């Protein structure tokens, strides 16, 4: 029997028992998946990749950290913020809409993605005030800029 050929690349794989030690979970996940020219990025919050919360009680600061994470994950997938076609933003309070959307708007100026916004009762951890996930499509022939 031959090995299956993967049609996608998993970026920053992890297990939830390591990332959520306060919860009894054991799920294998990843931060992003590139399937062909499409990149799906897991919901990002105000936590850096080492698990440190940035912006306790501050939805704008959490949005800034989430956007930094998105930028890095898209880069690792061979993409960038300009390729985002869809965003979904989750807020735990409707009053957070303006500070979060202003911050996200700074990062996505000139991109014009479609956007869905939801107010939810809670997110995965009580200190998280917002979460954003995105889908990006890399143009055919696009080459990432050299650093």
N, C-alpha and C. Protein backbone atom coordinates (compact mmCIF):
# COMPACT_ATOMS: atom_id res chain seq x y z
N UNK A 1 0.83 -1.18 0.00
CA UNK A 1 0.00 0.00 0.00
C UNK A 1 0.88 1.25 0.00
N UNK A 2 0.60 2.16 -0.88
CA UNK A 2 1.42 3.37 -0.95
C UNK A 2 0.93 4.41 0.06
N UNK A 3 1.85 5.29 0.43
CA UNK A 3 1.52 6.38 1.34
C UNK A 3 0.64 7.39 0.63
N UNK A 4 -0.33 7.96 1.35
CA UNK A 4 -1.17 8.98 0.71
C UNK A 4 -0.35 10.23 0.40
N UNK A 5 -0.68 10.88 -0.69
CA UNK A 5 -0.04 12.13 -1.05
C UNK A 5 -0.83 13.26 -0.42
N UNK A 6 -0.17 14.08 0.35
CA UNK A 6 -0.86 15.20 1.00
C UNK A 6 -1.03 16.34 0.01
N UNK A 7 -2.21 16.90 0.03
CA UNK A 7 -2.50 18.02 -0.86
C UNK A 7 -2.38 19.34 -0.12
N UNK A 8 -1.88 19.28 1.10
CA UNK A 8 -1.77 20.50 1.90
C UNK A 8 -0.56 20.43 2.81
N UNK A 9 -0.19 21.61 3.31
CA UNK A 9 0.94 21.73 4.23
C UNK A 9 0.42 22.27 5.55
N UNK A 10 0.76 21.61 6.64
CA UNK A 10 0.35 22.05 7.97
C UNK A 10 1.46 22.92 8.55
N UNK A 11 1.07 24.06 9.13
CA UNK A 11 2.02 25.02 9.66
C UNK A 11 1.83 25.16 11.16
N UNK A 12 2.92 25.00 11.91
CA UNK A 12 2.93 25.10 13.37
C UNK A 12 1.93 24.14 14.02
N UNK A 13 2.20 22.86 13.83
CA UNK A 13 1.36 21.84 14.45
C UNK A 13 1.54 21.87 15.98
N UNK A 14 0.47 21.51 16.68
CA UNK A 14 0.52 21.49 18.14
C UNK A 14 -0.58 20.56 18.67
N UNK A 15 -0.50 20.27 19.95
CA UNK A 15 -1.55 19.50 20.61
C UNK A 15 -2.16 20.36 21.70
N UNK A 16 -3.46 20.32 21.81
CA UNK A 16 -4.17 21.18 22.76
C UNK A 16 -3.84 20.86 24.22
N UNK A 17 -3.35 19.67 24.53
CA UNK A 17 -2.98 19.39 25.92
C UNK A 17 -1.79 20.24 26.35
N UNK A 18 -0.97 20.68 25.37
CA UNK A 18 0.16 21.55 25.68
C UNK A 18 -0.24 23.02 25.71
N UNK A 19 -1.14 23.41 24.81
CA UNK A 19 -1.50 24.83 24.71
C UNK A 19 -2.63 25.24 25.65
N UNK A 20 -3.39 24.27 26.13
CA UNK A 20 -4.48 24.55 27.07
C UNK A 20 -4.32 23.66 28.30
N UNK A 21 -3.24 23.85 29.09
CA UNK A 21 -3.00 22.96 30.22
C UNK A 21 -4.10 23.02 31.30
N UNK A 22 -4.88 24.08 31.30
CA UNK A 22 -5.95 24.22 32.29
C UNK A 22 -7.23 23.49 31.85
N UNK A 23 -7.21 22.87 30.68
CA UNK A 23 -8.37 22.13 30.18
C UNK A 23 -7.95 20.71 29.84
N UNK A 24 -8.86 19.79 29.94
CA UNK A 24 -8.58 18.39 29.66
C UNK A 24 -8.87 18.11 28.18
N UNK A 25 -7.88 18.44 27.33
CA UNK A 25 -8.02 18.29 25.88
C UNK A 25 -6.83 17.52 25.33
N UNK A 26 -7.01 16.90 24.17
CA UNK A 26 -5.93 16.16 23.51
C UNK A 26 -6.23 16.11 22.02
N UNK A 27 -6.16 17.28 21.36
CA UNK A 27 -6.47 17.37 19.95
C UNK A 27 -5.23 17.82 19.18
N UNK A 28 -4.94 17.15 18.07
CA UNK A 28 -3.84 17.54 17.20
C UNK A 28 -4.36 18.56 16.19
N UNK A 29 -3.78 19.75 16.23
CA UNK A 29 -4.20 20.85 15.37
C UNK A 29 -2.97 21.54 14.78
N UNK A 30 -3.21 22.57 13.99
CA UNK A 30 -2.13 23.41 13.51
C UNK A 30 -2.64 24.84 13.40
N UNK A 31 -1.71 25.77 13.31
CA UNK A 31 -2.08 27.19 13.25
C UNK A 31 -2.57 27.60 11.87
N UNK A 32 -2.08 26.95 10.83
CA UNK A 32 -2.48 27.29 9.47
C UNK A 32 -2.32 26.07 8.58
N UNK A 33 -3.07 26.07 7.49
CA UNK A 33 -2.96 25.03 6.47
C UNK A 33 -2.91 25.71 5.11
N UNK A 34 -1.94 25.31 4.30
CA UNK A 34 -1.90 25.76 2.91
C UNK A 34 -2.33 24.60 2.04
N UNK A 35 -3.40 24.80 1.28
CA UNK A 35 -3.92 23.81 0.35
C UNK A 35 -3.89 24.43 -1.04
N UNK A 36 -2.93 24.03 -1.85
CA UNK A 36 -2.75 24.68 -3.14
C UNK A 36 -2.39 26.14 -2.92
N UNK A 37 -3.16 27.06 -3.50
CA UNK A 37 -2.91 28.49 -3.33
C UNK A 37 -3.76 29.11 -2.23
N UNK A 38 -4.49 28.29 -1.49
CA UNK A 38 -5.35 28.80 -0.43
C UNK A 38 -4.73 28.53 0.93
N UNK A 39 -4.78 29.55 1.79
CA UNK A 39 -4.26 29.42 3.15
C UNK A 39 -5.41 29.67 4.12
N UNK A 40 -5.60 28.73 5.03
CA UNK A 40 -6.60 28.84 6.08
C UNK A 40 -5.86 29.04 7.39
N UNK A 41 -6.17 30.13 8.09
CA UNK A 41 -5.46 30.41 9.34
C UNK A 41 -6.44 30.28 10.50
N UNK A 42 -6.03 29.50 11.47
CA UNK A 42 -6.79 29.27 12.69
C UNK A 42 -7.07 30.59 13.40
N UNK A 43 -8.13 30.67 14.16
CA UNK A 43 -8.44 31.86 14.91
C UNK A 43 -7.26 32.31 15.76
N UNK A 44 -6.90 33.58 15.64
CA UNK A 44 -5.79 34.15 16.39
C UNK A 44 -6.34 35.12 17.43
N UNK A 45 -5.71 35.10 18.60
CA UNK A 45 -6.12 35.92 19.74
C UNK A 45 -4.93 36.75 20.19
N UNK A 46 -5.06 37.40 21.31
CA UNK A 46 -3.99 38.24 21.84
C UNK A 46 -2.91 37.49 22.57
N UNK A 47 -2.59 36.29 22.11
CA UNK A 47 -1.56 35.47 22.72
C UNK A 47 -0.45 35.26 21.70
N UNK A 48 0.81 35.46 22.13
CA UNK A 48 1.92 35.23 21.21
C UNK A 48 2.15 33.73 21.05
N UNK A 49 3.10 33.35 20.21
CA UNK A 49 3.33 31.94 19.92
C UNK A 49 3.98 31.18 21.08
N UNK A 50 4.40 31.89 22.10
CA UNK A 50 4.92 31.23 23.30
C UNK A 50 3.82 31.06 24.34
N UNK A 51 2.61 31.52 24.03
CA UNK A 51 1.48 31.37 24.94
C UNK A 51 1.28 32.52 25.91
N UNK A 52 2.00 33.62 25.73
CA UNK A 52 1.88 34.78 26.61
C UNK A 52 0.76 35.70 26.13
N UNK A 53 -0.17 36.03 27.01
CA UNK A 53 -1.25 36.95 26.66
C UNK A 53 -0.71 38.36 26.58
N UNK A 54 -1.05 39.06 25.52
CA UNK A 54 -0.70 40.46 25.33
C UNK A 54 -2.00 41.25 25.44
N UNK A 55 -2.05 42.26 26.30
CA UNK A 55 -3.22 43.11 26.34
C UNK A 55 -4.34 42.61 27.23
N UNK A 56 -4.04 42.16 28.43
CA UNK A 56 -5.08 41.74 29.37
C UNK A 56 -6.09 42.87 29.55
N UNK A 57 -7.35 42.61 29.23
CA UNK A 57 -8.39 43.61 29.38
C UNK A 57 -8.45 44.66 28.28
N UNK A 58 -7.58 44.55 27.26
CA UNK A 58 -7.48 45.56 26.21
C UNK A 58 -7.75 44.93 24.84
N UNK A 59 -8.97 45.08 24.31
CA UNK A 59 -9.29 44.43 23.05
C UNK A 59 -8.45 44.92 21.87
N UNK A 60 -8.05 46.20 21.85
CA UNK A 60 -7.22 46.71 20.77
C UNK A 60 -5.85 46.06 20.78
N UNK A 61 -5.24 45.96 21.96
CA UNK A 61 -3.92 45.34 22.06
C UNK A 61 -3.98 43.86 21.69
N UNK A 62 -5.07 43.19 22.06
CA UNK A 62 -5.22 41.79 21.68
C UNK A 62 -5.37 41.66 20.16
N UNK A 63 -6.10 42.59 19.55
CA UNK A 63 -6.24 42.57 18.09
C UNK A 63 -4.89 42.80 17.41
N UNK A 64 -4.09 43.70 17.96
CA UNK A 64 -2.76 43.95 17.39
C UNK A 64 -1.91 42.68 17.43
N UNK A 65 -1.91 41.97 18.56
CA UNK A 65 -1.14 40.73 18.66
C UNK A 65 -1.68 39.68 17.70
N UNK A 66 -3.00 39.58 17.59
CA UNK A 66 -3.60 38.62 16.67
C UNK A 66 -3.17 38.91 15.23
N UNK A 67 -3.11 40.19 14.86
CA UNK A 67 -2.69 40.55 13.51
C UNK A 67 -1.20 40.26 13.30
N UNK A 68 -0.37 40.47 14.31
CA UNK A 68 1.05 40.09 14.21
C UNK A 68 1.16 38.59 13.95
N UNK A 69 0.35 37.80 14.67
CA UNK A 69 0.36 36.36 14.48
C UNK A 69 -0.06 35.99 13.06
N UNK A 70 -1.15 36.61 12.58
CA UNK A 70 -1.62 36.34 11.22
C UNK A 70 -0.54 36.66 10.19
N UNK A 71 0.10 37.80 10.35
CA UNK A 71 1.15 38.19 9.42
C UNK A 71 2.26 37.13 9.39
N UNK A 72 2.68 36.66 10.55
CA UNK A 72 3.75 35.66 10.63
C UNK A 72 3.31 34.33 10.03
N UNK A 73 2.10 33.89 10.36
CA UNK A 73 1.62 32.61 9.84
C UNK A 73 1.46 32.64 8.32
N UNK A 74 0.95 33.73 7.80
CA UNK A 74 0.83 33.85 6.35
C UNK A 74 2.20 33.83 5.69
N UNK A 75 3.16 34.50 6.30
CA UNK A 75 4.53 34.49 5.77
C UNK A 75 5.07 33.06 5.73
N UNK A 76 4.86 32.32 6.82
CA UNK A 76 5.33 30.94 6.87
C UNK A 76 4.64 30.05 5.84
N UNK A 77 3.45 30.46 5.41
CA UNK A 77 2.71 29.72 4.39
C UNK A 77 3.06 30.18 2.98
N UNK A 78 3.98 31.16 2.86
CA UNK A 78 4.35 31.68 1.56
C UNK A 78 3.38 32.71 1.03
N UNK A 79 2.72 33.42 1.94
CA UNK A 79 1.70 34.39 1.58
C UNK A 79 1.96 35.69 2.34
N UNK A 80 1.00 36.60 2.29
CA UNK A 80 1.06 37.79 3.13
C UNK A 80 -0.35 38.35 3.35
N UNK A 81 -0.44 39.40 4.13
CA UNK A 81 -1.73 39.97 4.49
C UNK A 81 -2.52 40.43 3.27
N UNK A 82 -1.85 40.84 2.21
CA UNK A 82 -2.55 41.35 1.02
C UNK A 82 -3.36 40.27 0.32
N UNK A 83 -3.12 39.01 0.63
CA UNK A 83 -3.82 37.90 -0.01
C UNK A 83 -5.10 37.50 0.73
N UNK A 84 -5.39 38.13 1.86
CA UNK A 84 -6.57 37.77 2.64
C UNK A 84 -7.83 38.10 1.84
N UNK A 85 -8.72 37.11 1.73
CA UNK A 85 -10.00 37.31 1.03
C UNK A 85 -11.19 37.28 1.97
N UNK A 86 -11.02 36.71 3.18
CA UNK A 86 -12.14 36.56 4.12
C UNK A 86 -11.62 36.64 5.54
N UNK A 87 -12.31 37.43 6.36
CA UNK A 87 -12.01 37.47 7.79
C UNK A 87 -13.28 37.13 8.55
N UNK A 88 -13.11 36.47 9.68
CA UNK A 88 -14.20 36.27 10.63
C UNK A 88 -13.67 36.73 11.98
N UNK A 89 -14.35 37.71 12.58
CA UNK A 89 -13.92 38.29 13.84
C UNK A 89 -14.96 38.00 14.90
N UNK A 90 -14.49 37.50 16.03
CA UNK A 90 -15.35 37.17 17.17
C UNK A 90 -15.03 38.13 18.31
N UNK A 91 -16.05 38.73 18.89
CA UNK A 91 -15.90 39.65 20.02
C UNK A 91 -16.73 39.13 21.18
N UNK A 92 -16.24 39.33 22.40
CA UNK A 92 -17.02 38.92 23.57
C UNK A 92 -17.91 40.04 24.09
N UNK A 93 -17.81 41.23 23.48
CA UNK A 93 -18.64 42.36 23.89
C UNK A 93 -18.79 43.28 22.67
N UNK A 94 -20.01 43.70 22.33
CA UNK A 94 -20.17 44.56 21.16
C UNK A 94 -19.43 45.90 21.28
N UNK A 95 -19.11 46.32 22.49
CA UNK A 95 -18.36 47.58 22.67
C UNK A 95 -16.92 47.45 22.20
N UNK A 96 -16.45 46.25 21.98
CA UNK A 96 -15.08 46.03 21.50
C UNK A 96 -14.95 46.20 19.99
N UNK A 97 -16.09 46.35 19.30
CA UNK A 97 -16.07 46.40 17.84
C UNK A 97 -15.18 47.52 17.31
N UNK A 98 -15.37 48.73 17.80
CA UNK A 98 -14.58 49.85 17.27
C UNK A 98 -13.08 49.69 17.51
N UNK A 99 -12.61 49.44 18.73
CA UNK A 99 -11.15 49.32 18.89
C UNK A 99 -10.56 48.14 18.12
N UNK A 100 -11.27 47.02 18.07
CA UNK A 100 -10.75 45.85 17.34
C UNK A 100 -10.75 46.11 15.84
N UNK A 101 -11.86 46.59 15.29
CA UNK A 101 -11.95 46.82 13.86
C UNK A 101 -11.01 47.93 13.39
N UNK A 102 -10.79 48.93 14.22
CA UNK A 102 -9.81 49.98 13.86
C UNK A 102 -8.42 49.37 13.73
N UNK A 103 -8.05 48.52 14.70
CA UNK A 103 -6.72 47.90 14.67
C UNK A 103 -6.59 46.97 13.47
N UNK A 104 -7.56 46.11 13.26
CA UNK A 104 -7.52 45.20 12.11
C UNK A 104 -7.45 46.02 10.81
N UNK A 105 -8.23 47.11 10.75
CA UNK A 105 -8.24 47.96 9.56
C UNK A 105 -6.89 48.56 9.22
N UNK A 106 -6.09 48.86 10.25
CA UNK A 106 -4.73 49.38 10.00
C UNK A 106 -3.89 48.35 9.25
N UNK A 107 -4.02 47.11 9.64
CA UNK A 107 -3.22 46.04 9.05
C UNK A 107 -3.71 45.65 7.66
N UNK A 108 -5.01 45.86 7.39
CA UNK A 108 -5.60 45.42 6.12
C UNK A 108 -5.99 46.58 5.21
N UNK A 109 -5.39 47.75 5.42
CA UNK A 109 -5.67 48.91 4.59
C UNK A 109 -5.38 48.57 3.12
N UNK A 110 -6.36 48.79 2.25
CA UNK A 110 -6.19 48.52 0.83
C UNK A 110 -6.38 47.08 0.41
N UNK A 111 -6.71 46.18 1.34
CA UNK A 111 -6.86 44.76 1.01
C UNK A 111 -8.30 44.44 0.58
N UNK A 112 -9.30 44.99 1.20
CA UNK A 112 -10.71 44.81 0.86
C UNK A 112 -11.21 43.38 0.94
N UNK A 113 -10.97 42.66 2.05
CA UNK A 113 -11.54 41.32 2.18
C UNK A 113 -13.04 41.40 2.49
N UNK A 114 -13.74 40.28 2.32
CA UNK A 114 -15.08 40.19 2.88
C UNK A 114 -14.90 39.92 4.36
N UNK A 115 -15.89 40.31 5.16
CA UNK A 115 -15.72 40.23 6.60
C UNK A 115 -17.02 39.84 7.29
N UNK A 116 -16.90 38.94 8.23
CA UNK A 116 -18.02 38.57 9.09
C UNK A 116 -17.62 38.87 10.51
N UNK A 117 -18.50 39.52 11.26
CA UNK A 117 -18.25 39.83 12.66
C UNK A 117 -19.34 39.23 13.53
N UNK A 118 -18.93 38.62 14.62
CA UNK A 118 -19.87 37.98 15.53
C UNK A 118 -19.59 38.39 16.96
N UNK A 119 -20.63 38.54 17.74
CA UNK A 119 -20.48 38.72 19.18
C UNK A 119 -20.88 37.39 19.81
N UNK A 120 -19.98 36.85 20.62
CA UNK A 120 -20.18 35.53 21.22
C UNK A 120 -20.15 35.64 22.74
N UNK A 121 -20.71 34.66 23.41
CA UNK A 121 -20.76 34.67 24.88
C UNK A 121 -19.36 34.54 25.49
N UNK A 122 -18.48 33.78 24.84
CA UNK A 122 -17.14 33.56 25.37
C UNK A 122 -16.26 32.95 24.30
N UNK A 123 -14.95 33.01 24.53
CA UNK A 123 -13.97 32.36 23.67
C UNK A 123 -13.30 31.25 24.47
N UNK A 124 -12.26 30.63 23.94
CA UNK A 124 -11.63 29.47 24.55
C UNK A 124 -11.02 29.69 25.92
N UNK A 125 -10.64 30.92 26.23
CA UNK A 125 -10.10 31.28 27.55
C UNK A 125 -10.81 32.55 28.00
N UNK A 126 -11.09 32.69 29.29
CA UNK A 126 -11.87 33.84 29.75
C UNK A 126 -11.21 35.20 29.52
N UNK A 127 -9.89 35.26 29.43
CA UNK A 127 -9.21 36.55 29.24
C UNK A 127 -9.16 36.99 27.78
N UNK A 128 -9.55 36.10 26.86
CA UNK A 128 -9.56 36.46 25.45
C UNK A 128 -10.79 37.29 25.16
N UNK A 129 -10.60 38.46 24.56
CA UNK A 129 -11.70 39.39 24.26
C UNK A 129 -12.09 39.37 22.80
N UNK A 130 -11.19 38.89 21.94
CA UNK A 130 -11.45 38.85 20.50
C UNK A 130 -10.67 37.70 19.88
N UNK A 131 -11.12 37.31 18.71
CA UNK A 131 -10.43 36.28 17.94
C UNK A 131 -10.72 36.56 16.46
N UNK A 132 -9.74 36.32 15.61
CA UNK A 132 -9.93 36.54 14.17
C UNK A 132 -9.30 35.38 13.41
N UNK A 133 -10.05 34.84 12.45
CA UNK A 133 -9.46 33.86 11.54
C UNK A 133 -9.62 34.37 10.12
N UNK A 134 -8.75 33.88 9.24
CA UNK A 134 -8.74 34.38 7.87
C UNK A 134 -8.54 33.25 6.87
N UNK A 135 -8.96 33.55 5.65
CA UNK A 135 -8.64 32.73 4.48
C UNK A 135 -7.92 33.65 3.51
N UNK A 136 -6.82 33.16 2.96
CA UNK A 136 -6.05 33.93 1.98
C UNK A 136 -5.87 33.09 0.73
N UNK A 137 -5.81 33.75 -0.42
CA UNK A 137 -5.56 33.07 -1.69
C UNK A 137 -4.33 33.73 -2.33
N UNK A 138 -3.31 32.92 -2.55
CA UNK A 138 -2.06 33.40 -3.12
C UNK A 138 -2.20 33.46 -4.64
N UNK A 139 -1.92 34.62 -5.25
CA UNK A 139 -2.03 34.71 -6.72
C UNK A 139 -1.04 33.77 -7.42
N UNK A 140 -1.46 33.20 -8.53
CA UNK A 140 -0.56 32.36 -9.32
C UNK A 140 0.69 33.15 -9.69
N UNK A 141 1.84 32.53 -9.50
CA UNK A 141 3.10 33.16 -9.87
C UNK A 141 3.66 34.13 -8.85
N UNK A 142 2.95 34.34 -7.74
CA UNK A 142 3.42 35.29 -6.73
C UNK A 142 4.67 34.74 -6.06
N UNK A 143 5.66 35.59 -5.89
CA UNK A 143 6.90 35.20 -5.22
C UNK A 143 7.05 36.11 -4.00
N UNK A 144 7.22 35.51 -2.80
CA UNK A 144 7.39 36.35 -1.60
C UNK A 144 8.59 37.28 -1.75
N UNK A 145 8.48 38.51 -1.26
CA UNK A 145 9.63 39.43 -1.31
C UNK A 145 10.80 38.88 -0.50
N UNK A 146 11.99 39.14 -0.97
CA UNK A 146 13.19 38.70 -0.25
C UNK A 146 13.42 39.60 0.96
N UNK A 147 13.76 38.96 2.07
CA UNK A 147 13.99 39.72 3.31
C UNK A 147 15.34 40.41 3.29
